[in-house]
Amino acid sequence: MREKWRYALAGGLAGAANGLFGGGGGSVFVPLLTGYCGLDQRRAFATSVAVILPLCVLSVGIYFCRGGLDFMAALPYLVGGALGGWAGGKWFKGMKMPWLKRAFGLLLIYGGVRSFL
């Protein structure tokens, strides 16, 4: 029972990040899944994708209802993101974990630096 509360808390934090910033819940969720919930890295990445998708859909709905969504401006990013997601999913299985961890760490550092600049 205690594990379910940990999972719910991790999901809640990822959802809050997604709702506040319009995305980025996965960058919160993966470290929580590995460190706090004890999942292995590969499973944490896959679980994060499965959880973040519905959270993004919910966030889009809220932004749309409040008039803050320009779908036509977002369309090129959606197409590029879908293609990148497909390619990343194909590469994911064959990538060695140390490289995947490094790439994710660099992405987090890049995002953190960009947030402050």
PDB file of N, CA and C in Angstrom:
ATOM      1  N   MET A   1       0.823  -1.194   0.000  1.00  0.00           N
ATOM      2  CA  MET A   1       0.000   0.000   0.000  1.00  0.00           C
ATOM      3  C   MET A   1       0.868   1.260   0.000  1.00  0.00           C
ATOM      4  N   ARG A   2       1.964   1.203   0.741  1.00  0.00           N
ATOM      5  CA  ARG A   2       2.854   2.358   0.832  1.00  0.00           C
ATOM      6  C   ARG A   2       3.467   2.693  -0.534  1.00  0.00           C
ATOM      7  N   GLU A   3       3.772   1.643  -1.326  1.00  0.00           N
ATOM      8  CA  GLU A   3       4.337   1.866  -2.655  1.00  0.00           C
ATOM      9  C   GLU A   3       3.360   2.619  -3.546  1.00  0.00           C
ATOM     10  N   LYS A   4       2.079   2.312  -3.440  1.00  0.00           N
ATOM     11  CA  LYS A   4       1.085   2.999  -4.265  1.00  0.00           C
ATOM     12  C   LYS A   4       1.059   4.490  -3.956  1.00  0.00           C
ATOM     13  N   TRP A   5       1.250   4.859  -2.703  1.00  0.00           N
ATOM     14  CA  TRP A   5       1.292   6.283  -2.349  1.00  0.00           C
ATOM     15  C   TRP A   5       2.534   6.946  -2.924  1.00  0.00           C
ATOM     16  N   ARG A   6       3.637   6.233  -2.945  1.00  0.00           N
ATOM     17  CA  ARG A   6       4.856   6.774  -3.557  1.00  0.00           C
ATOM     18  C   ARG A   6       4.645   7.029  -5.040  1.00  0.00           C
ATOM     19  N   TYR A   7       4.020   6.058  -5.700  1.00  0.00           N
ATOM     20  CA  TYR A   7       3.765   6.200  -7.130  1.00  0.00           C
ATOM     21  C   TYR A   7       2.808   7.360  -7.392  1.00  0.00           C
ATOM     22  N   ALA A   8       1.784   7.469  -6.567  1.00  0.00           N
ATOM     23  CA  ALA A   8       0.817   8.560  -6.730  1.00  0.00           C
ATOM     24  C   ALA A   8       1.479   9.920  -6.491  1.00  0.00           C
ATOM     25  N   LEU A   9       2.349   9.994  -5.505  1.00  0.00           N
ATOM     26  CA  LEU A   9       3.059  11.250  -5.227  1.00  0.00           C
ATOM     27  C   LEU A   9       3.974  11.617  -6.393  1.00  0.00           C
ATOM     28  N   ALA A  10       4.703  10.635  -6.915  1.00  0.00           N
ATOM     29  CA  ALA A  10       5.580  10.890  -8.061  1.00  0.00           C
ATOM     30  C   ALA A  10       4.758  11.358  -9.257  1.00  0.00           C
ATOM     31  N   GLY A  11       3.648  10.714  -9.520  1.00  0.00           N
ATOM     32  CA  GLY A  11       2.772  11.133 -10.615  1.00  0.00           C
ATOM     33  C   GLY A  11       2.205  12.520 -10.387  1.00  0.00           C
ATOM     34  N   GLY A  12       1.848  12.828  -9.152  1.00  0.00           N
ATOM     35  CA  GLY A  12       1.329  14.159  -8.821  1.00  0.00           C
ATOM     36  C   GLY A  12       2.355  15.244  -9.050  1.00  0.00           C
ATOM     37  N   LEU A  13       3.603  14.992  -8.683  1.00  0.00           N
ATOM     38  CA  LEU A  13       4.664  15.979  -8.915  1.00  0.00           C
ATOM     39  C   LEU A  13       4.929  16.178 -10.405  1.00  0.00           C
ATOM     40  N   ALA A  14       4.906  15.087 -11.156  1.00  0.00           N
ATOM     41  CA  ALA A  14       5.083  15.195 -12.607  1.00  0.00           C
ATOM     42  C   ALA A  14       3.918  15.958 -13.230  1.00  0.00           C
ATOM     43  N   GLY A  15       2.713  15.676 -12.777  1.00  0.00           N
ATOM     44  CA  GLY A  15       1.547  16.391 -13.286  1.00  0.00           C
ATOM     45  C   GLY A  15       1.583  17.870 -12.948  1.00  0.00           C
ATOM     46  N   ALA A  16       2.025  18.200 -11.738  1.00  0.00           N
ATOM     47  CA  ALA A  16       2.134  19.608 -11.351  1.00  0.00           C
ATOM     48  C   ALA A  16       3.157  20.340 -12.215  1.00  0.00           C
ATOM     49  N   ALA A  17       4.287  19.696 -12.467  1.00  0.00           N
ATOM     50  CA  ALA A  17       5.300  20.311 -13.338  1.00  0.00           C
ATOM     51  C   ALA A  17       4.742  20.509 -14.739  1.00  0.00           C
ATOM     52  N   ASN A  18       4.031  19.513 -15.226  1.00  0.00           N
ATOM     53  CA  ASN A  18       3.444  19.598 -16.562  1.00  0.00           C
ATOM     54  C   ASN A  18       2.405  20.713 -16.635  1.00  0.00           C
ATOM     55  N   GLY A  19       1.570  20.814 -15.627  1.00  0.00           N
ATOM     56  CA  GLY A  19       0.531  21.837 -15.608  1.00  0.00           C
ATOM     57  C   GLY A  19       1.084  23.243 -15.438  1.00  0.00           C
ATOM     58  N   LEU A  20       2.093  23.386 -14.592  1.00  0.00           N
ATOM     59  CA  LEU A  20       2.672  24.712 -14.343  1.00  0.00           C
ATOM     60  C   LEU A  20       3.476  25.224 -15.522  1.00  0.00           C
ATOM     61  N   PHE A  21       4.227  24.344 -16.153  1.00  0.00           N
ATOM     62  CA  PHE A  21       5.163  24.766 -17.190  1.00  0.00           C
ATOM     63  C   PHE A  21       4.733  24.368 -18.592  1.00  0.00           C
ATOM     64  N   GLY A  22       3.593  23.693 -18.726  1.00  0.00           N
ATOM     65  CA  GLY A  22       3.137  23.272 -20.041  1.00  0.00           C
ATOM     66  C   GLY A  22       3.915  22.096 -20.599  1.00  0.00           C
ATOM     67  N   GLY A  23       4.679  21.429 -19.799  1.00  0.00           N
ATOM     68  CA  GLY A  23       5.494  20.280 -20.202  1.00  0.00           C
ATOM     69  C   GLY A  23       6.634  20.111 -19.232  1.00  0.00           C
ATOM     70  N   GLY A  24       7.472  19.165 -19.489  1.00  0.00           N
ATOM     71  CA  GLY A  24       8.634  18.953 -18.631  1.00  0.00           C
ATOM     72  C   GLY A  24       8.393  18.010 -17.474  1.00  0.00           C
ATOM     73  N   GLY A  25       7.207  17.422 -17.423  1.00  0.00           N
ATOM     74  CA  GLY A  25       6.921  16.494 -16.337  1.00  0.00           C
ATOM     75  C   GLY A  25       7.826  15.271 -16.337  1.00  0.00           C
ATOM     76  N   GLY A  26       8.262  14.853 -17.525  1.00  0.00           N
ATOM     77  CA  GLY A  26       9.140  13.688 -17.631  1.00  0.00           C
ATOM     78  C   GLY A  26      10.494  13.924 -16.998  1.00  0.00           C
ATOM     79  N   SER A  27      10.980  15.168 -17.058  1.00  0.00           N
ATOM     80  CA  SER A  27      12.279  15.457 -16.449  1.00  0.00           C
ATOM     81  C   SER A  27      12.196  15.401 -14.932  1.00  0.00           C
ATOM     82  N   VAL A  28      11.007  15.537 -14.388  1.00  0.00           N
ATOM     83  CA  VAL A  28      10.786  15.367 -12.953  1.00  0.00           C
ATOM     84  C   VAL A  28      10.506  13.905 -12.648  1.00  0.00           C
ATOM     85  N   PHE A  29       9.751  13.279 -13.535  1.00  0.00           N
ATOM     86  CA  PHE A  29       9.239  11.945 -13.282  1.00  0.00           C
ATOM     87  C   PHE A  29      10.304  10.852 -13.326  1.00  0.00           C
ATOM     88  N   VAL A  30      11.205  10.904 -14.304  1.00  0.00           N
ATOM     89  CA  VAL A  30      12.215   9.839 -14.437  1.00  0.00           C
ATOM     90  C   VAL A  30      13.099   9.743 -13.189  1.00  0.00           C
ATOM     91  N   PRO A  31      13.657  10.861 -12.683  1.00  0.00           N
ATOM     92  CA  PRO A  31      14.446  10.732 -11.450  1.00  0.00           C
ATOM     93  C   PRO A  31      13.620  10.232 -10.257  1.00  0.00           C
ATOM     94  N   LEU A  32      12.350  10.637 -10.183  1.00  0.00           N
ATOM     95  CA  LEU A  32      11.495  10.133  -9.099  1.00  0.00           C
ATOM     96  C   LEU A  32      11.252   8.635  -9.234  1.00  0.00           C
ATOM     97  N   LEU A  33      11.017   8.180 -10.454  1.00  0.00           N
ATOM     98  CA  LEU A  33      10.774   6.750 -10.655  1.00  0.00           C
ATOM     99  C   LEU A  33      12.000   5.906 -10.327  1.00  0.00           C
ATOM    100  N   THR A  34      13.191   6.413 -10.651  1.00  0.00           N
ATOM    101  CA  THR A  34      14.398   5.626 -10.373  1.00  0.00           C
ATOM    102  C   THR A  34      14.803   5.732  -8.908  1.00  0.00           C
ATOM    103  N   GLY A  35      14.844   6.931  -8.368  1.00  0.00           N
ATOM    104  CA  GLY A  35      15.333   7.117  -7.006  1.00  0.00           C
ATOM    105  C   GLY A  35      14.309   6.830  -5.934  1.00  0.00           C
ATOM    106  N   TYR A  36      13.110   7.353  -6.091  1.00  0.00           N
ATOM    107  CA  TYR A  36      12.085   7.278  -5.051  1.00  0.00           C
ATOM    108  C   TYR A  36      11.255   6.007  -5.143  1.00  0.00           C
ATOM    109  N   CYS A  37      10.974   5.572  -6.385  1.00  0.00           N
ATOM    110  CA  CYS A  37      10.114   4.407  -6.582  1.00  0.00           C
ATOM    111  C   CYS A  37      10.887   3.130  -6.886  1.00  0.00           C
ATOM    112  N   GLY A  38      12.195   3.238  -7.155  1.00  0.00           N
ATOM    113  CA  GLY A  38      13.036   2.064  -7.319  1.00  0.00           C
ATOM    114  C   GLY A  38      12.964   1.361  -8.663  1.00  0.00           C
ATOM    115  N   LEU A  39      12.445   2.002  -9.708  1.00  0.00           N
ATOM    116  CA  LEU A  39      12.413   1.373 -11.024  1.00  0.00           C
ATOM    117  C   LEU A  39      13.789   1.460 -11.672  1.00  0.00           C
ATOM    118  N   ASP A  40      14.100   0.481 -12.519  1.00  0.00           N
ATOM    119  CA  ASP A  40      15.349   0.573 -13.268  1.00  0.00           C
ATOM    120  C   ASP A  40      15.197   1.661 -14.329  1.00  0.00           C
ATOM    121  N   GLN A  41      16.312   2.174 -14.810  1.00  0.00           N
ATOM    122  CA  GLN A  41      16.332   3.339 -15.696  1.00  0.00           C
ATOM    123  C   GLN A  41      15.502   3.138 -16.966  1.00  0.00           C
ATOM    124  N   ARG A  42      15.674   2.024 -17.622  1.00  0.00           N
ATOM    125  CA  ARG A  42      14.968   1.785 -18.883  1.00  0.00           C
ATOM    126  C   ARG A  42      13.456   1.736 -18.655  1.00  0.00           C
ATOM    127  N   ARG A  43      13.040   1.079 -17.611  1.00  0.00           N
ATOM    128  CA  ARG A  43      11.609   0.992 -17.298  1.00  0.00           C
ATOM    129  C   ARG A  43      11.062   2.358 -16.876  1.00  0.00           C
ATOM    130  N   ALA A  44      11.882   3.155 -16.197  1.00  0.00           N
ATOM    131  CA  ALA A  44      11.457   4.491 -15.777  1.00  0.00           C
ATOM    132  C   ALA A  44      11.210   5.387 -16.988  1.00  0.00           C
ATOM    133  N   PHE A  45      12.084   5.324 -17.993  1.00  0.00           N
ATOM    134  CA  PHE A  45      11.886   6.120 -19.204  1.00  0.00           C
ATOM    135  C   PHE A  45      10.586   5.726 -19.896  1.00  0.00           C
ATOM    136  N   ALA A  46      10.364   4.429 -20.057  1.00  0.00           N
ATOM    137  CA  ALA A  46       9.165   3.953 -20.737  1.00  0.00           C
ATOM    138  C   ALA A  46       7.902   4.309 -19.945  1.00  0.00           C
ATOM    139  N   THR A  47       7.950   4.146 -18.643  1.00  0.00           N
ATOM    140  CA  THR A  47       6.806   4.485 -17.803  1.00  0.00           C
ATOM    141  C   THR A  47       6.513   5.973 -17.861  1.00  0.00           C
ATOM    142  N   SER A  48       7.559   6.775 -17.878  1.00  0.00           N
ATOM    143  CA  SER A  48       7.389   8.221 -17.960  1.00  0.00           C
ATOM    144  C   SER A  48       6.645   8.615 -19.228  1.00  0.00           C
ATOM    145  N   VAL A  49       7.006   8.024 -20.342  1.00  0.00           N
ATOM    146  CA  VAL A  49       6.328   8.333 -21.601  1.00  0.00           C
ATOM    147  C   VAL A  49       4.851   7.956 -21.512  1.00  0.00           C
ATOM    148  N   ALA A  50       4.558   6.791 -20.946  1.00  0.00           N
ATOM    149  CA  ALA A  50       3.175   6.332 -20.841  1.00  0.00           C
ATOM    150  C   ALA A  50       2.334   7.234 -19.938  1.00  0.00           C
ATOM    151  N   VAL A  51       2.951   7.818 -18.923  1.00  0.00           N
ATOM    152  CA  VAL A  51       2.222   8.668 -17.985  1.00  0.00           C
ATOM    153  C   VAL A  51       2.133  10.107 -18.485  1.00  0.00           C
ATOM    154  N   ILE A  52       3.194  10.599 -19.087  1.00  0.00           N
ATOM    155  CA  ILE A  52       3.235  11.999 -19.504  1.00  0.00           C
ATOM    156  C   ILE A  52       2.269  12.281 -20.647  1.00  0.00           C
ATOM    157  N   LEU A  53       2.050  11.337 -21.544  1.00  0.00           N
ATOM    158  CA  LEU A  53       1.137  11.572 -22.665  1.00  0.00           C
ATOM    159  C   LEU A  53      -0.254  12.011 -22.183  1.00  0.00           C
ATOM    160  N   PRO A  54      -0.916  11.263 -21.303  1.00  0.00           N
ATOM    161  CA  PRO A  54      -2.239  11.725 -20.857  1.00  0.00           C
ATOM    162  C   PRO A  54      -2.167  13.057 -20.088  1.00  0.00           C
ATOM    163  N   LEU A  55      -1.082  13.289 -19.357  1.00  0.00           N
ATOM    164  CA  LEU A  55      -0.950  14.566 -18.655  1.00  0.00           C
ATOM    165  C   LEU A  55      -0.827  15.721 -19.639  1.00  0.00           C
ATOM    166  N   CYS A  56      -0.106  15.500 -20.727  1.00  0.00           N
ATOM    167  CA  CYS A  56       0.011  16.532 -21.762  1.00  0.00           C
ATOM    168  C   CYS A  56      -1.343  16.796 -22.415  1.00  0.00           C
ATOM    169  N   VAL A  57      -2.100  15.737 -22.678  1.00  0.00           N
ATOM    170  CA  VAL A  57      -3.428  15.901 -23.272  1.00  0.00           C
ATOM    171  C   VAL A  57      -4.314  16.717 -22.323  1.00  0.00           C
ATOM    172  N   LEU A  58      -4.260  16.429 -21.048  1.00  0.00           N
ATOM    173  CA  LEU A  58      -5.032  17.183 -20.064  1.00  0.00           C
ATOM    174  C   LEU A  58      -4.604  18.645 -20.036  1.00  0.00           C
ATOM    175  N   SER A  59      -3.303  18.895 -20.035  1.00  0.00           N
ATOM    176  CA  SER A  59      -2.799  20.272 -20.038  1.00  0.00           C
ATOM    177  C   SER A  59      -3.232  21.022 -21.293  1.00  0.00           C
ATOM    178  N   VAL A  60      -3.198  20.352 -22.447  1.00  0.00           N
ATOM    179  CA  VAL A  60      -3.648  20.985 -23.693  1.00  0.00           C
ATOM    180  C   VAL A  60      -5.112  21.387 -23.580  1.00  0.00           C
ATOM    181  N   GLY A  61      -5.915  20.498 -23.025  1.00  0.00           N
ATOM    182  CA  GLY A  61      -7.338  20.808 -22.856  1.00  0.00           C
ATOM    183  C   GLY A  61      -7.558  22.036 -21.982  1.00  0.00           C
ATOM    184  N   ILE A  62      -6.808  22.125 -20.911  1.00  0.00           N
ATOM    185  CA  ILE A  62      -6.949  23.274 -20.000  1.00  0.00           C
ATOM    186  C   ILE A  62      -6.491  24.553 -20.685  1.00  0.00           C
ATOM    187  N   TYR A  63      -5.332  24.510 -21.343  1.00  0.00           N
ATOM    188  CA  TYR A  63      -4.844  25.697 -22.061  1.00  0.00           C
ATOM    189  C   TYR A  63      -5.823  26.099 -23.162  1.00  0.00           C
ATOM    190  N   PHE A  64      -6.396  25.120 -23.867  1.00  0.00           N
ATOM    191  CA  PHE A  64      -7.350  25.409 -24.937  1.00  0.00           C
ATOM    192  C   PHE A  64      -8.601  26.096 -24.381  1.00  0.00           C
ATOM    193  N   CYS A  65      -9.129  25.562 -23.296  1.00  0.00           N
ATOM    194  CA  CYS A  65     -10.337  26.144 -22.698  1.00  0.00           C
ATOM    195  C   CYS A  65     -10.107  27.557 -22.188  1.00  0.00           C
ATOM    196  N   ARG A  66      -8.913  27.852 -21.794  1.00  0.00           N
ATOM    197  CA  ARG A  66      -8.596  29.195 -21.297  1.00  0.00           C
ATOM    198  C   ARG A  66      -8.105  30.134 -22.397  1.00  0.00           C
ATOM    199  N   GLY A  67      -8.119  29.674 -23.622  1.00  0.00           N
ATOM    200  CA  GLY A  67      -7.756  30.521 -24.749  1.00  0.00           C
ATOM    201  C   GLY A  67      -6.263  30.725 -24.942  1.00  0.00           C
ATOM    202  N   GLY A  68      -5.445  29.880 -24.350  1.00  0.00           N
ATOM    203  CA  GLY A  68      -3.995  30.054 -24.443  1.00  0.00           C
ATOM    204  C   GLY A  68      -3.312  29.115 -25.418  1.00  0.00           C
ATOM    205  N   LEU A  69      -4.063  28.550 -26.365  1.00  0.00           N
ATOM    206  CA  LEU A  69      -3.478  27.573 -27.274  1.00  0.00           C
ATOM    207  C   LEU A  69      -3.666  28.025 -28.717  1.00  0.00           C
ATOM    208  N   ASP A  70      -2.571  28.121 -29.441  1.00  0.00           N
ATOM    209  CA  ASP A  70      -2.599  28.405 -30.875  1.00  0.00           C
ATOM    210  C   ASP A  70      -2.178  27.119 -31.580  1.00  0.00           C
ATOM    211  N   PHE A  71      -3.175  26.319 -31.962  1.00  0.00           N
ATOM    212  CA  PHE A  71      -2.895  25.002 -32.516  1.00  0.00           C
ATOM    213  C   PHE A  71      -2.084  25.073 -33.805  1.00  0.00           C
ATOM    214  N   MET A  72      -2.362  26.047 -34.653  1.00  0.00           N
ATOM    215  CA  MET A  72      -1.635  26.145 -35.927  1.00  0.00           C
ATOM    216  C   MET A  72      -0.158  26.464 -35.695  1.00  0.00           C
ATOM    217  N   ALA A  73       0.140  27.259 -34.687  1.00  0.00           N
ATOM    218  CA  ALA A  73       1.544  27.548 -34.363  1.00  0.00           C
ATOM    219  C   ALA A  73       2.223  26.303 -33.801  1.00  0.00           C
ATOM    220  N   ALA A  74       1.464  25.460 -33.119  1.00  0.00           N
ATOM    221  CA  ALA A  74       2.023  24.251 -32.504  1.00  0.00           C
ATOM    222  C   ALA A  74       2.168  23.092 -33.482  1.00  0.00           C
ATOM    223  N   LEU A  75       1.455  23.137 -34.586  1.00  0.00           N
ATOM    224  CA  LEU A  75       1.415  22.001 -35.517  1.00  0.00           C
ATOM    225  C   LEU A  75       2.784  21.555 -36.027  1.00  0.00           C
ATOM    226  N   PRO A  76       3.669  22.448 -36.463  1.00  0.00           N
ATOM    227  CA  PRO A  76       4.984  21.966 -36.922  1.00  0.00           C
ATOM    228  C   PRO A  76       5.776  21.257 -35.814  1.00  0.00           C
ATOM    229  N   TYR A  77       5.633  21.734 -34.584  1.00  0.00           N
ATOM    230  CA  TYR A  77       6.328  21.092 -33.463  1.00  0.00           C
ATOM    231  C   TYR A  77       5.727  19.725 -33.163  1.00  0.00           C
ATOM    232  N   LEU A  78       4.422  19.618 -33.338  1.00  0.00           N
ATOM    233  CA  LEU A  78       3.748  18.340 -33.130  1.00  0.00           C
ATOM    234  C   LEU A  78       4.230  17.305 -34.135  1.00  0.00           C
ATOM    235  N   VAL A  79       4.323  17.710 -35.394  1.00  0.00           N
ATOM    236  CA  VAL A  79       4.798  16.792 -36.440  1.00  0.00           C
ATOM    237  C   VAL A  79       6.252  16.383 -36.156  1.00  0.00           C
ATOM    238  N   GLY A  80       7.105  17.379 -35.885  1.00  0.00           N
ATOM    239  CA  GLY A  80       8.507  17.077 -35.577  1.00  0.00           C
ATOM    240  C   GLY A  80       8.654  16.226 -34.329  1.00  0.00           C
ATOM    241  N   GLY A  81       7.853  16.530 -33.317  1.00  0.00           N
ATOM    242  CA  GLY A  81       7.897  15.744 -32.082  1.00  0.00           C
ATOM    243  C   GLY A  81       7.456  14.310 -32.287  1.00  0.00           C
ATOM    244  N   ALA A  82       6.439  14.126 -33.127  1.00  0.00           N
ATOM    245  CA  ALA A  82       5.973  12.762 -33.407  1.00  0.00           C
ATOM    246  C   ALA A  82       7.047  11.967 -34.147  1.00  0.00           C
ATOM    247  N   LEU A  83       7.688  12.599 -35.123  1.00  0.00           N
ATOM    248  CA  LEU A  83       8.760  11.915 -35.850  1.00  0.00           C
ATOM    249  C   LEU A  83       9.956  11.630 -34.932  1.00  0.00           C
ATOM    250  N   GLY A  84      10.315  12.601 -34.110  1.00  0.00           N
ATOM    251  CA  GLY A  84      11.417  12.399 -33.166  1.00  0.00           C
ATOM    252  C   GLY A  84      11.093  11.334 -32.132  1.00  0.00           C
ATOM    253  N   GLY A  85       9.845  11.319 -31.671  1.00  0.00           N
ATOM    254  CA  GLY A  85       9.422  10.288 -30.713  1.00  0.00           C
ATOM    255  C   GLY A  85       9.483   8.897 -31.315  1.00  0.00           C
ATOM    256  N   TRP A  86       9.061   8.784 -32.571  1.00  0.00           N
ATOM    257  CA  TRP A  86       9.131   7.503 -33.251  1.00  0.00           C
ATOM    258  C   TRP A  86      10.587   7.041 -33.383  1.00  0.00           C
ATOM    259  N   ALA A  87      11.463   7.952 -33.834  1.00  0.00           N
ATOM    260  CA  ALA A  87      12.880   7.597 -34.008  1.00  0.00           C
ATOM    261  C   ALA A  87      13.522   7.268 -32.661  1.00  0.00           C
ATOM    262  N   GLY A  88      13.240   8.073 -31.643  1.00  0.00           N
ATOM    263  CA  GLY A  88      13.804   7.816 -30.318  1.00  0.00           C
ATOM    264  C   GLY A  88      13.356   6.481 -29.747  1.00  0.00           C
ATOM    265  N   GLY A  89      12.077   6.144 -29.972  1.00  0.00           N
ATOM    266  CA  GLY A  89      11.572   4.844 -29.513  1.00  0.00           C
ATOM    267  C   GLY A  89      12.271   3.678 -30.194  1.00  0.00           C
ATOM    268  N   LYS A  90      12.599   3.850 -31.465  1.00  0.00           N
ATOM    269  CA  LYS A  90      13.330   2.805 -32.195  1.00  0.00           C
ATOM    270  C   LYS A  90      14.756   2.654 -31.654  1.00  0.00           C
ATOM    271  N   TRP A  91      15.421   3.776 -31.379  1.00  0.00           N
ATOM    272  CA  TRP A  91      16.805   3.755 -30.889  1.00  0.00           C
ATOM    273  C   TRP A  91      16.898   3.313 -29.433  1.00  0.00           C
ATOM    274  N   PHE A  92      15.847   3.548 -28.678  1.00  0.00           N
ATOM    275  CA  PHE A  92      15.830   3.316 -27.235  1.00  0.00           C
ATOM    276  C   PHE A  92      16.245   1.896 -26.859  1.00  0.00           C
ATOM    277  N   LYS A  93      15.678   0.923 -27.545  1.00  0.00           N
ATOM    278  CA  LYS A  93      15.930  -0.477 -27.193  1.00  0.00           C
ATOM    279  C   LYS A  93      17.393  -0.866 -27.367  1.00  0.00           C
ATOM    280  N   GLY A  94      18.055  -0.348 -28.397  1.00  0.00           N
ATOM    281  CA  GLY A  94      19.429  -0.730 -28.670  1.00  0.00           C
ATOM    282  C   GLY A  94      20.480   0.120 -27.967  1.00  0.00           C
ATOM    283  N   MET A  95      20.072   1.209 -27.342  1.00  0.00           N
ATOM    284  CA  MET A  95      21.038   2.108 -26.715  1.00  0.00           C
ATOM    285  C   MET A  95      21.493   1.558 -25.359  1.00  0.00           C
ATOM    286  N   LYS A  96      22.766   1.628 -25.105  1.00  0.00           N
ATOM    287  CA  LYS A  96      23.304   1.156 -23.827  1.00  0.00           C
ATOM    288  C   LYS A  96      22.958   2.154 -22.729  1.00  0.00           C
ATOM    289  N   MET A  97      22.651   1.647 -21.540  1.00  0.00           N
ATOM    290  CA  MET A  97      22.179   2.483 -20.437  1.00  0.00           C
ATOM    291  C   MET A  97      23.139   3.613 -20.062  1.00  0.00           C
ATOM    292  N   PRO A  98      24.443   3.404 -20.010  1.00  0.00           N
ATOM    293  CA  PRO A  98      25.309   4.539 -19.660  1.00  0.00           C
ATOM    294  C   PRO A  98      25.147   5.721 -20.622  1.00  0.00           C
ATOM    295  N   TRP A  99      24.981   5.448 -21.907  1.00  0.00           N
ATOM    296  CA  TRP A  99      24.805   6.524 -22.888  1.00  0.00           C
ATOM    297  C   TRP A  99      23.445   7.182 -22.732  1.00  0.00           C
ATOM    298  N   LEU A 100      22.445   6.374 -22.430  1.00  0.00           N
ATOM    299  CA  LEU A 100      21.102   6.918 -22.224  1.00  0.00           C
ATOM    300  C   LEU A 100      21.083   7.825 -20.990  1.00  0.00           C
ATOM    301  N   LYS A 101      21.736   7.404 -19.924  1.00  0.00           N
ATOM    302  CA  LYS A 101      21.815   8.228 -18.709  1.00  0.00           C
ATOM    303  C   LYS A 101      22.558   9.535 -18.979  1.00  0.00           C
ATOM    304  N   ARG A 102      23.655   9.455 -19.705  1.00  0.00           N
ATOM    305  CA  ARG A 102      24.419  10.670 -20.026  1.00  0.00           C
ATOM    306  C   ARG A 102      23.595  11.632 -20.872  1.00  0.00           C
ATOM    307  N   ALA A 103      22.918  11.091 -21.871  1.00  0.00           N
ATOM    308  CA  ALA A 103      22.098  11.940 -22.742  1.00  0.00           C
ATOM    309  C   ALA A 103      20.992  12.612 -21.937  1.00  0.00           C
ATOM    310  N   PHE A 104      20.352  11.873 -21.056  1.00  0.00           N
ATOM    311  CA  PHE A 104      19.290  12.446 -20.228  1.00  0.00           C
ATOM    312  C   PHE A 104      19.860  13.501 -19.278  1.00  0.00           C
ATOM    313  N   GLY A 105      21.010  13.216 -18.681  1.00  0.00           N
ATOM    314  CA  GLY A 105      21.655  14.188 -17.800  1.00  0.00           C
ATOM    315  C   GLY A 105      22.011  15.472 -18.524  1.00  0.00           C
ATOM    316  N   LEU A 106      22.551  15.345 -19.732  1.00  0.00           N
ATOM    317  CA  LEU A 106      22.877  16.537 -20.531  1.00  0.00           C
ATOM    318  C   LEU A 106      21.621  17.329 -20.885  1.00  0.00           C
ATOM    319  N   LEU A 107      20.549  16.628 -21.183  1.00  0.00           N
ATOM    320  CA  LEU A 107      19.293  17.295 -21.483  1.00  0.00           C
ATOM    321  C   LEU A 107      18.783  18.075 -20.269  1.00  0.00           C
ATOM    322  N   LEU A 108      18.882  17.484 -19.088  1.00  0.00           N
ATOM    323  CA  LEU A 108      18.468  18.178 -17.859  1.00  0.00           C
ATOM    324  C   LEU A 108      19.336  19.403 -17.592  1.00  0.00           C
ATOM    325  N   ILE A 109      20.642  19.262 -17.777  1.00  0.00           N
ATOM    326  CA  ILE A 109      21.549  20.401 -17.568  1.00  0.00           C
ATOM    327  C   ILE A 109      21.235  21.510 -18.571  1.00  0.00           C
ATOM    328  N   TYR A 110      21.069  21.146 -19.831  1.00  0.00           N
ATOM    329  CA  TYR A 110      20.729  22.124 -20.858  1.00  0.00           C
ATOM    330  C   TYR A 110      19.430  22.862 -20.509  1.00  0.00           C
ATOM    331  N   GLY A 111      18.406  22.111 -20.120  1.00  0.00           N
ATOM    332  CA  GLY A 111      17.133  22.725 -19.754  1.00  0.00           C
ATOM    333  C   GLY A 111      17.254  23.631 -18.552  1.00  0.00           C
ATOM    334  N   GLY A 112      18.048  23.226 -17.570  1.00  0.00           N
ATOM    335  CA  GLY A 112      18.257  24.062 -16.390  1.00  0.00           C
ATOM    336  C   GLY A 112      18.969  25.352 -16.711  1.00  0.00           C
ATOM    337  N   VAL A 113      19.990  25.266 -17.517  1.00  0.00           N
ATOM    338  CA  VAL A 113      20.750  26.473 -17.906  1.00  0.00           C
ATOM    339  C   VAL A 113      19.848  27.398 -18.713  1.00  0.00           C
ATOM    340  N   ARG A 114      19.092  26.849 -19.658  1.00  0.00           N
ATOM    341  CA  ARG A 114      18.193  27.673 -20.476  1.00  0.00           C
ATOM    342  C   ARG A 114      17.102  28.342 -19.628  1.00  0.00           C
ATOM    343  N   SER A 115      16.683  27.679 -18.563  1.00  0.00           N
ATOM    344  CA  SER A 115      15.658  28.261 -17.689  1.00  0.00           C
ATOM    345  C   SER A 115      16.155  29.513 -16.969  1.00  0.00           C
ATOM    346  N   PHE A 116      17.439  29.534 -16.665  1.00  0.00           N
ATOM    347  CA  PHE A 116      17.994  30.673 -15.930  1.00  0.00           C
ATOM    348  C   PHE A 116      18.458  31.810 -16.828  1.00  0.00           C
ATOM    349  N   LEU A 117      18.652  31.527 -18.124  1.00  0.00           N
ATOM    350  CA  LEU A 117      19.143  32.567 -19.043  1.00  0.00           C
ATOM    351  C   LEU A 117      18.047  33.299 -19.743  1.00  0.00           C
TER     352      LEU A 117
END
